[in-house]
Amino acid sequence: MLIITRRPGERIVLGDDIVVTVMEISGQTARIGIAAPRELPVYREEIWEAVKAENQAAAAVDPESLPQVPPAPAD
């Protein structure tokens, strides 16, 4: 892990197209801004963990246990 000290207004650049800016520091809380391409998802860690858990739960469902939808009537 790389540890970097930054002050409000200072930035960290990741690759060619991601910039992390320290917006403000208040007590033990830091507000940061992240500029990244729209196609790159950016999540808070707790949200990312919830998304992963939900995806794993959905993948573990047996398709045979789901209710069967009858076919639509033919015209």
PDB file of N, CA and C in Angstrom:
ATOM      1  N   MET A   1       0.852  -1.177   0.000  1.00  0.00           N
ATOM      2  CA  MET A   1       0.000   0.000   0.000  1.00  0.00           C
ATOM      3  C   MET A   1       0.896   1.238   0.000  1.00  0.00           C
ATOM      4  N   LEU A   2       0.564   2.143  -0.864  1.00  0.00           N
ATOM      5  CA  LEU A   2       1.267   3.419  -0.931  1.00  0.00           C
ATOM      6  C   LEU A   2       0.538   4.403  -0.020  1.00  0.00           C
ATOM      7  N   ILE A   3       1.255   5.055   0.863  1.00  0.00           N
ATOM      8  CA  ILE A   3       0.658   6.051   1.760  1.00  0.00           C
ATOM      9  C   ILE A   3       1.228   7.407   1.378  1.00  0.00           C
ATOM     10  N   ILE A   4       0.333   8.368   1.101  1.00  0.00           N
ATOM     11  CA  ILE A   4       0.724   9.695   0.642  1.00  0.00           C
ATOM     12  C   ILE A   4       0.045  10.730   1.526  1.00  0.00           C
ATOM     13  N   THR A   5       0.778  11.742   1.930  1.00  0.00           N
ATOM     14  CA  THR A   5       0.206  12.847   2.689  1.00  0.00           C
ATOM     15  C   THR A   5      -0.172  13.955   1.713  1.00  0.00           C
ATOM     16  N   ARG A   6      -1.401  14.431   1.801  1.00  0.00           N
ATOM     17  CA  ARG A   6      -1.893  15.507   0.936  1.00  0.00           C
ATOM     18  C   ARG A   6      -2.629  16.523   1.781  1.00  0.00           C
ATOM     19  N   ARG A   7      -2.658  17.752   1.324  1.00  0.00           N
ATOM     20  CA  ARG A   7      -3.403  18.824   1.976  1.00  0.00           C
ATOM     21  C   ARG A   7      -4.620  19.151   1.105  1.00  0.00           C
ATOM     22  N   PRO A   8      -5.625  19.829   1.681  1.00  0.00           N
ATOM     23  CA  PRO A   8      -6.782  20.216   0.865  1.00  0.00           C
ATOM     24  C   PRO A   8      -6.350  20.947  -0.409  1.00  0.00           C
ATOM     25  N   GLY A   9      -6.967  20.558  -1.528  1.00  0.00           N
ATOM     26  CA  GLY A   9      -6.650  21.143  -2.827  1.00  0.00           C
ATOM     27  C   GLY A   9      -5.582  20.381  -3.575  1.00  0.00           C
ATOM     28  N   GLU A  10      -4.830  19.528  -2.887  1.00  0.00           N
ATOM     29  CA  GLU A  10      -3.795  18.763  -3.555  1.00  0.00           C
ATOM     30  C   GLU A  10      -4.400  17.501  -4.166  1.00  0.00           C
ATOM     31  N   ARG A  11      -3.718  16.951  -5.161  1.00  0.00           N
ATOM     32  CA  ARG A  11      -4.272  15.845  -5.941  1.00  0.00           C
ATOM     33  C   ARG A  11      -3.317  14.665  -6.011  1.00  0.00           C
ATOM     34  N   ILE A  12      -3.917  13.533  -6.356  1.00  0.00           N
ATOM     35  CA  ILE A  12      -3.181  12.315  -6.667  1.00  0.00           C
ATOM     36  C   ILE A  12      -3.688  11.861  -8.031  1.00  0.00           C
ATOM     37  N   VAL A  13      -2.784  11.511  -8.928  1.00  0.00           N
ATOM     38  CA  VAL A  13      -3.149  11.086 -10.280  1.00  0.00           C
ATOM     39  C   VAL A  13      -2.895   9.584 -10.390  1.00  0.00           C
ATOM     40  N   LEU A  14      -3.938   8.852 -10.842  1.00  0.00           N
ATOM     41  CA  LEU A  14      -3.832   7.404 -11.060  1.00  0.00           C
ATOM     42  C   LEU A  14      -3.934   7.141 -12.550  1.00  0.00           C
ATOM     43  N   GLY A  15      -2.871   6.662 -13.138  1.00  0.00           N
ATOM     44  CA  GLY A  15      -2.880   6.419 -14.577  1.00  0.00           C
ATOM     45  C   GLY A  15      -3.022   7.719 -15.345  1.00  0.00           C
ATOM     46  N   ASP A  16      -3.615   7.614 -16.531  1.00  0.00           N
ATOM     47  CA  ASP A  16      -3.756   8.781 -17.394  1.00  0.00           C
ATOM     48  C   ASP A  16      -5.050   9.556 -17.177  1.00  0.00           C
ATOM     49  N   ASP A  17      -6.059   8.919 -16.537  1.00  0.00           N
ATOM     50  CA  ASP A  17      -7.361   9.563 -16.550  1.00  0.00           C
ATOM     51  C   ASP A  17      -8.134   9.527 -15.233  1.00  0.00           C
ATOM     52  N   ILE A  18      -7.460   9.314 -14.114  1.00  0.00           N
ATOM     53  CA  ILE A  18      -8.130   9.349 -12.817  1.00  0.00           C
ATOM     54  C   ILE A  18      -7.385  10.322 -11.920  1.00  0.00           C
ATOM     55  N   VAL A  19      -8.133  11.290 -11.363  1.00  0.00           N
ATOM     56  CA  VAL A  19      -7.546  12.276 -10.461  1.00  0.00           C
ATOM     57  C   VAL A  19      -8.352  12.276  -9.169  1.00  0.00           C
ATOM     58  N   VAL A  20      -7.648  12.113  -8.045  1.00  0.00           N
ATOM     59  CA  VAL A  20      -8.265  12.158  -6.723  1.00  0.00           C
ATOM     60  C   VAL A  20      -7.822  13.460  -6.074  1.00  0.00           C
ATOM     61  N   THR A  21      -8.784  14.283  -5.656  1.00  0.00           N
ATOM     62  CA  THR A  21      -8.491  15.577  -5.053  1.00  0.00           C
ATOM     63  C   THR A  21      -8.961  15.592  -3.611  1.00  0.00           C
ATOM     64  N   VAL A  22      -8.099  16.042  -2.703  1.00  0.00           N
ATOM     65  CA  VAL A  22      -8.494  16.225  -1.309  1.00  0.00           C
ATOM     66  C   VAL A  22      -9.268  17.545  -1.265  1.00  0.00           C
ATOM     67  N   MET A  23     -10.562  17.465  -0.947  1.00  0.00           N
ATOM     68  CA  MET A  23     -11.406  18.660  -0.938  1.00  0.00           C
ATOM     69  C   MET A  23     -11.284  19.411   0.387  1.00  0.00           C
ATOM     70  N   GLU A  24     -11.422  18.680   1.495  1.00  0.00           N
ATOM     71  CA  GLU A  24     -11.275  19.299   2.813  1.00  0.00           C
ATOM     72  C   GLU A  24     -11.009  18.223   3.847  1.00  0.00           C
ATOM     73  N   ILE A  25     -10.424  18.647   4.950  1.00  0.00           N
ATOM     74  CA  ILE A  25     -10.173  17.748   6.071  1.00  0.00           C
ATOM     75  C   ILE A  25     -10.766  18.401   7.302  1.00  0.00           C
ATOM     76  N   SER A  26     -11.603  17.631   8.012  1.00  0.00           N
ATOM     77  CA  SER A  26     -12.249  18.134   9.226  1.00  0.00           C
ATOM     78  C   SER A  26     -12.124  17.054  10.291  1.00  0.00           C
ATOM     79  N   GLY A  27     -11.307  17.297  11.296  1.00  0.00           N
ATOM     80  CA  GLY A  27     -11.086  16.280  12.316  1.00  0.00           C
ATOM     81  C   GLY A  27     -10.449  15.056  11.697  1.00  0.00           C
ATOM     82  N   GLN A  28     -11.106  13.911  11.840  1.00  0.00           N
ATOM     83  CA  GLN A  28     -10.575  12.676  11.271  1.00  0.00           C
ATOM     84  C   GLN A  28     -11.286  12.290   9.976  1.00  0.00           C
ATOM     85  N   THR A  29     -11.996  13.240   9.375  1.00  0.00           N
ATOM     86  CA  THR A  29     -12.731  12.970   8.149  1.00  0.00           C
ATOM     87  C   THR A  29     -12.130  13.767   7.000  1.00  0.00           C
ATOM     88  N   ALA A  30     -11.910  13.090   5.892  1.00  0.00           N
ATOM     89  CA  ALA A  30     -11.409  13.757   4.691  1.00  0.00           C
ATOM     90  C   ALA A  30     -12.472  13.653   3.607  1.00  0.00           C
ATOM     91  N   ARG A  31     -12.774  14.757   2.953  1.00  0.00           N
ATOM     92  CA  ARG A  31     -13.665  14.746   1.792  1.00  0.00           C
ATOM     93  C   ARG A  31     -12.774  14.715   0.571  1.00  0.00           C
ATOM     94  N   ILE A  32     -13.052  13.778  -0.329  1.00  0.00           N
ATOM     95  CA  ILE A  32     -12.255  13.676  -1.545  1.00  0.00           C
ATOM     96  C   ILE A  32     -13.160  13.758  -2.761  1.00  0.00           C
ATOM     97  N   GLY A  33     -12.615  14.213  -3.842  1.00  0.00           N
ATOM     98  CA  GLY A  33     -13.313  14.222  -5.125  1.00  0.00           C
ATOM     99  C   GLY A  33     -12.566  13.308  -6.070  1.00  0.00           C
ATOM    100  N   ILE A  34     -13.300  12.587  -6.903  1.00  0.00           N
ATOM    101  CA  ILE A  34     -12.689  11.650  -7.839  1.00  0.00           C
ATOM    102  C   ILE A  34     -13.162  11.983  -9.247  1.00  0.00           C
ATOM    103  N   ALA A  35     -12.235  12.281 -10.114  1.00  0.00           N
ATOM    104  CA  ALA A  35     -12.543  12.510 -11.531  1.00  0.00           C
ATOM    105  C   ALA A  35     -12.065  11.275 -12.293  1.00  0.00           C
ATOM    106  N   ALA A  36     -13.016  10.555 -12.875  1.00  0.00           N
ATOM    107  CA  ALA A  36     -12.698   9.320 -13.603  1.00  0.00           C
ATOM    108  C   ALA A  36     -13.629   9.210 -14.804  1.00  0.00           C
ATOM    109  N   PRO A  37     -13.255   8.433 -15.799  1.00  0.00           N
ATOM    110  CA  PRO A  37     -14.139   8.231 -16.954  1.00  0.00           C
ATOM    111  C   PRO A  37     -15.472   7.636 -16.518  1.00  0.00           C
ATOM    112  N   ARG A  38     -16.550   8.003 -17.201  1.00  0.00           N
ATOM    113  CA  ARG A  38     -17.895   7.515 -16.853  1.00  0.00           C
ATOM    114  C   ARG A  38     -17.994   5.995 -16.890  1.00  0.00           C
ATOM    115  N   GLU A  39     -17.239   5.359 -17.772  1.00  0.00           N
ATOM    116  CA  GLU A  39     -17.341   3.903 -17.886  1.00  0.00           C
ATOM    117  C   GLU A  39     -16.623   3.161 -16.757  1.00  0.00           C
ATOM    118  N   LEU A  40     -15.926   3.888 -15.893  1.00  0.00           N
ATOM    119  CA  LEU A  40     -15.246   3.275 -14.750  1.00  0.00           C
ATOM    120  C   LEU A  40     -16.112   3.455 -13.506  1.00  0.00           C
ATOM    121  N   PRO A  41     -16.680   2.362 -12.981  1.00  0.00           N
ATOM    122  CA  PRO A  41     -17.525   2.512 -11.793  1.00  0.00           C
ATOM    123  C   PRO A  41     -16.685   2.882 -10.569  1.00  0.00           C
ATOM    124  N   VAL A  42     -17.204   3.799  -9.767  1.00  0.00           N
ATOM    125  CA  VAL A  42     -16.532   4.222  -8.537  1.00  0.00           C
ATOM    126  C   VAL A  42     -17.545   4.052  -7.410  1.00  0.00           C
ATOM    127  N   TYR A  43     -17.218   3.227  -6.422  1.00  0.00           N
ATOM    128  CA  TYR A  43     -18.111   2.929  -5.308  1.00  0.00           C
ATOM    129  C   TYR A  43     -17.409   3.178  -3.984  1.00  0.00           C
ATOM    130  N   ARG A  44     -18.186   3.512  -2.952  1.00  0.00           N
ATOM    131  CA  ARG A  44     -17.673   3.445  -1.588  1.00  0.00           C
ATOM    132  C   ARG A  44     -17.505   1.964  -1.270  1.00  0.00           C
ATOM    133  N   GLU A  45     -16.558   1.627  -0.421  1.00  0.00           N
ATOM    134  CA  GLU A  45     -16.264   0.217  -0.155  1.00  0.00           C
ATOM    135  C   GLU A  45     -17.480  -0.550   0.339  1.00  0.00           C
ATOM    136  N   GLU A  46     -18.272   0.029   1.250  1.00  0.00           N
ATOM    137  CA  GLU A  46     -19.412  -0.699   1.803  1.00  0.00           C
ATOM    138  C   GLU A  46     -20.479  -0.974   0.737  1.00  0.00           C
ATOM    139  N   ILE A  47     -20.622  -0.081  -0.228  1.00  0.00           N
ATOM    140  CA  ILE A  47     -21.560  -0.301  -1.329  1.00  0.00           C
ATOM    141  C   ILE A  47     -21.025  -1.404  -2.240  1.00  0.00           C
ATOM    142  N   TRP A  48     -19.743  -1.370  -2.545  1.00  0.00           N
ATOM    143  CA  TRP A  48     -19.131  -2.387  -3.393  1.00  0.00           C
ATOM    144  C   TRP A  48     -19.271  -3.770  -2.768  1.00  0.00           C
ATOM    145  N   GLU A  49     -19.064  -3.872  -1.448  1.00  0.00           N
ATOM    146  CA  GLU A  49     -19.208  -5.160  -0.764  1.00  0.00           C
ATOM    147  C   GLU A  49     -20.659  -5.657  -0.857  1.00  0.00           C
ATOM    148  N   ALA A  50     -21.633  -4.760  -0.704  1.00  0.00           N
ATOM    149  CA  ALA A  50     -23.047  -5.148  -0.803  1.00  0.00           C
ATOM    150  C   ALA A  50     -23.381  -5.623  -2.216  1.00  0.00           C
ATOM    151  N   VAL A  51     -22.863  -4.946  -3.225  1.00  0.00           N
ATOM    152  CA  VAL A  51     -23.104  -5.337  -4.616  1.00  0.00           C
ATOM    153  C   VAL A  51     -22.510  -6.722  -4.879  1.00  0.00           C
ATOM    154  N   LYS A  52     -21.284  -6.955  -4.417  1.00  0.00           N
ATOM    155  CA  LYS A  52     -20.651  -8.264  -4.609  1.00  0.00           C
ATOM    156  C   LYS A  52     -21.446  -9.363  -3.914  1.00  0.00           C
ATOM    157  N   ALA A  53     -21.909  -9.110  -2.684  1.00  0.00           N
ATOM    158  CA  ALA A  53     -22.665 -10.119  -1.941  1.00  0.00           C
ATOM    159  C   ALA A  53     -23.976 -10.433  -2.655  1.00  0.00           C
ATOM    160  N   GLU A  54     -24.642  -9.408  -3.156  1.00  0.00           N
ATOM    161  CA  GLU A  54     -25.898  -9.624  -3.874  1.00  0.00           C
ATOM    162  C   GLU A  54     -25.676 -10.422  -5.163  1.00  0.00           C
ATOM    163  N   ASN A  55     -24.610 -10.117  -5.874  1.00  0.00           N
ATOM    164  CA  ASN A  55     -24.295 -10.867  -7.092  1.00  0.00           C
ATOM    165  C   ASN A  55     -23.986 -12.327  -6.780  1.00  0.00           C
ATOM    166  N   GLN A  56     -23.253 -12.573  -5.700  1.00  0.00           N
ATOM    167  CA  GLN A  56     -22.943 -13.952  -5.312  1.00  0.00           C
ATOM    168  C   GLN A  56     -24.213 -14.700  -4.930  1.00  0.00           C
ATOM    169  N   ALA A  57     -25.116 -14.027  -4.201  1.00  0.00           N
ATOM    170  CA  ALA A  57     -26.371 -14.669  -3.806  1.00  0.00           C
ATOM    171  C   ALA A  57     -27.215 -14.993  -5.035  1.00  0.00           C
ATOM    172  N   ALA A  58     -27.264 -14.085  -5.994  1.00  0.00           N
ATOM    173  CA  ALA A  58     -28.045 -14.319  -7.210  1.00  0.00           C
ATOM    174  C   ALA A  58     -27.452 -15.466  -8.024  1.00  0.00           C
ATOM    175  N   ALA A  59     -26.132 -15.560  -8.055  1.00  0.00           N
ATOM    176  CA  ALA A  59     -25.481 -16.623  -8.815  1.00  0.00           C
ATOM    177  C   ALA A  59     -25.697 -17.985  -8.164  1.00  0.00           C
ATOM    178  N   ALA A  60     -25.958 -17.999  -6.852  1.00  0.00           N
ATOM    179  CA  ALA A  60     -26.117 -19.259  -6.130  1.00  0.00           C
ATOM    180  C   ALA A  60     -27.539 -19.814  -6.212  1.00  0.00           C
ATOM    181  N   VAL A  61     -28.485 -19.046  -6.733  1.00  0.00           N
ATOM    182  CA  VAL A  61     -29.879 -19.505  -6.831  1.00  0.00           C
ATOM    183  C   VAL A  61     -29.989 -20.580  -7.897  1.00  0.00           C
ATOM    184  N   ASP A  62     -30.668 -21.662  -7.545  1.00  0.00           N
ATOM    185  CA  ASP A  62     -30.896 -22.758  -8.489  1.00  0.00           C
ATOM    186  C   ASP A  62     -32.023 -22.345  -9.432  1.00  0.00           C
ATOM    187  N   PRO A  63     -31.766 -22.244 -10.734  1.00  0.00           N
ATOM    188  CA  PRO A  63     -32.812 -21.821 -11.678  1.00  0.00           C
ATOM    189  C   PRO A  63     -34.053 -22.714 -11.628  1.00  0.00           C
ATOM    190  N   GLU A  64     -33.888 -23.968 -11.276  1.00  0.00           N
ATOM    191  CA  GLU A  64     -35.027 -24.894 -11.202  1.00  0.00           C
ATOM    192  C   GLU A  64     -35.965 -24.541 -10.046  1.00  0.00           C
ATOM    193  N   SER A  65     -35.460 -23.826  -9.042  1.00  0.00           N
ATOM    194  CA  SER A  65     -36.289 -23.478  -7.886  1.00  0.00           C
ATOM    195  C   SER A  65     -37.139 -22.230  -8.134  1.00  0.00           C
ATOM    196  N   LEU A  66     -36.883 -21.526  -9.226  1.00  0.00           N
ATOM    197  CA  LEU A  66     -37.646 -20.317  -9.541  1.00  0.00           C
ATOM    198  C   LEU A  66     -39.009 -20.691 -10.112  1.00  0.00           C
ATOM    199  N   PRO A  67     -40.035 -19.853  -9.865  1.00  0.00           N
ATOM    200  CA  PRO A  67     -41.349 -20.145 -10.440  1.00  0.00           C
ATOM    201  C   PRO A  67     -41.297 -20.104 -11.957  1.00  0.00           C
ATOM    202  N   GLN A  68     -42.019 -21.002 -12.572  1.00  0.00           N
ATOM    203  CA  GLN A  68     -42.027 -21.076 -14.033  1.00  0.00           C
ATOM    204  C   GLN A  68     -43.125 -20.171 -14.583  1.00  0.00           C
ATOM    205  N   VAL A  69     -42.798 -19.389 -15.573  1.00  0.00           N
ATOM    206  CA  VAL A  69     -43.757 -18.488 -16.210  1.00  0.00           C
ATOM    207  C   VAL A  69     -44.333 -19.223 -17.415  1.00  0.00           C
ATOM    208  N   PRO A  70     -45.669 -19.328 -17.481  1.00  0.00           N
ATOM    209  CA  PRO A  70     -46.261 -20.030 -18.637  1.00  0.00           C
ATOM    210  C   PRO A  70     -46.010 -19.217 -19.914  1.00  0.00           C
ATOM    211  N   PRO A  71     -45.906 -19.909 -21.038  1.00  0.00           N
ATOM    212  CA  PRO A  71     -45.683 -19.186 -22.301  1.00  0.00           C
ATOM    213  C   PRO A  71     -46.908 -18.327 -22.636  1.00  0.00           C
ATOM    214  N   ALA A  72     -46.654 -17.249 -23.355  1.00  0.00           N
ATOM    215  CA  ALA A  72     -47.734 -16.354 -23.775  1.00  0.00           C
ATOM    216  C   ALA A  72     -48.608 -17.081 -24.792  1.00  0.00           C
ATOM    217  N   PRO A  73     -49.927 -16.843 -24.756  1.00  0.00           N
ATOM    218  CA  PRO A  73     -50.805 -17.509 -25.726  1.00  0.00           C
ATOM    219  C   PRO A  73     -50.494 -17.060 -27.149  1.00  0.00           C
ATOM    220  N   ALA A  74     -50.613 -17.974 -28.083  1.00  0.00           N
ATOM    221  CA  ALA A  74     -50.351 -17.660 -29.486  1.00  0.00           C
ATOM    222  C   ALA A  74     -51.554 -16.915 -30.057  1.00  0.00           C
ATOM    223  N   ASP A  75     -51.290 -15.984 -30.952  1.00  0.00           N
ATOM    224  CA  ASP A  75     -52.381 -15.215 -31.586  1.00  0.00           C
ATOM    225  C   ASP A  75     -52.940 -15.925 -32.775  1.00  0.00           C
TER     226      ASP A  75
END
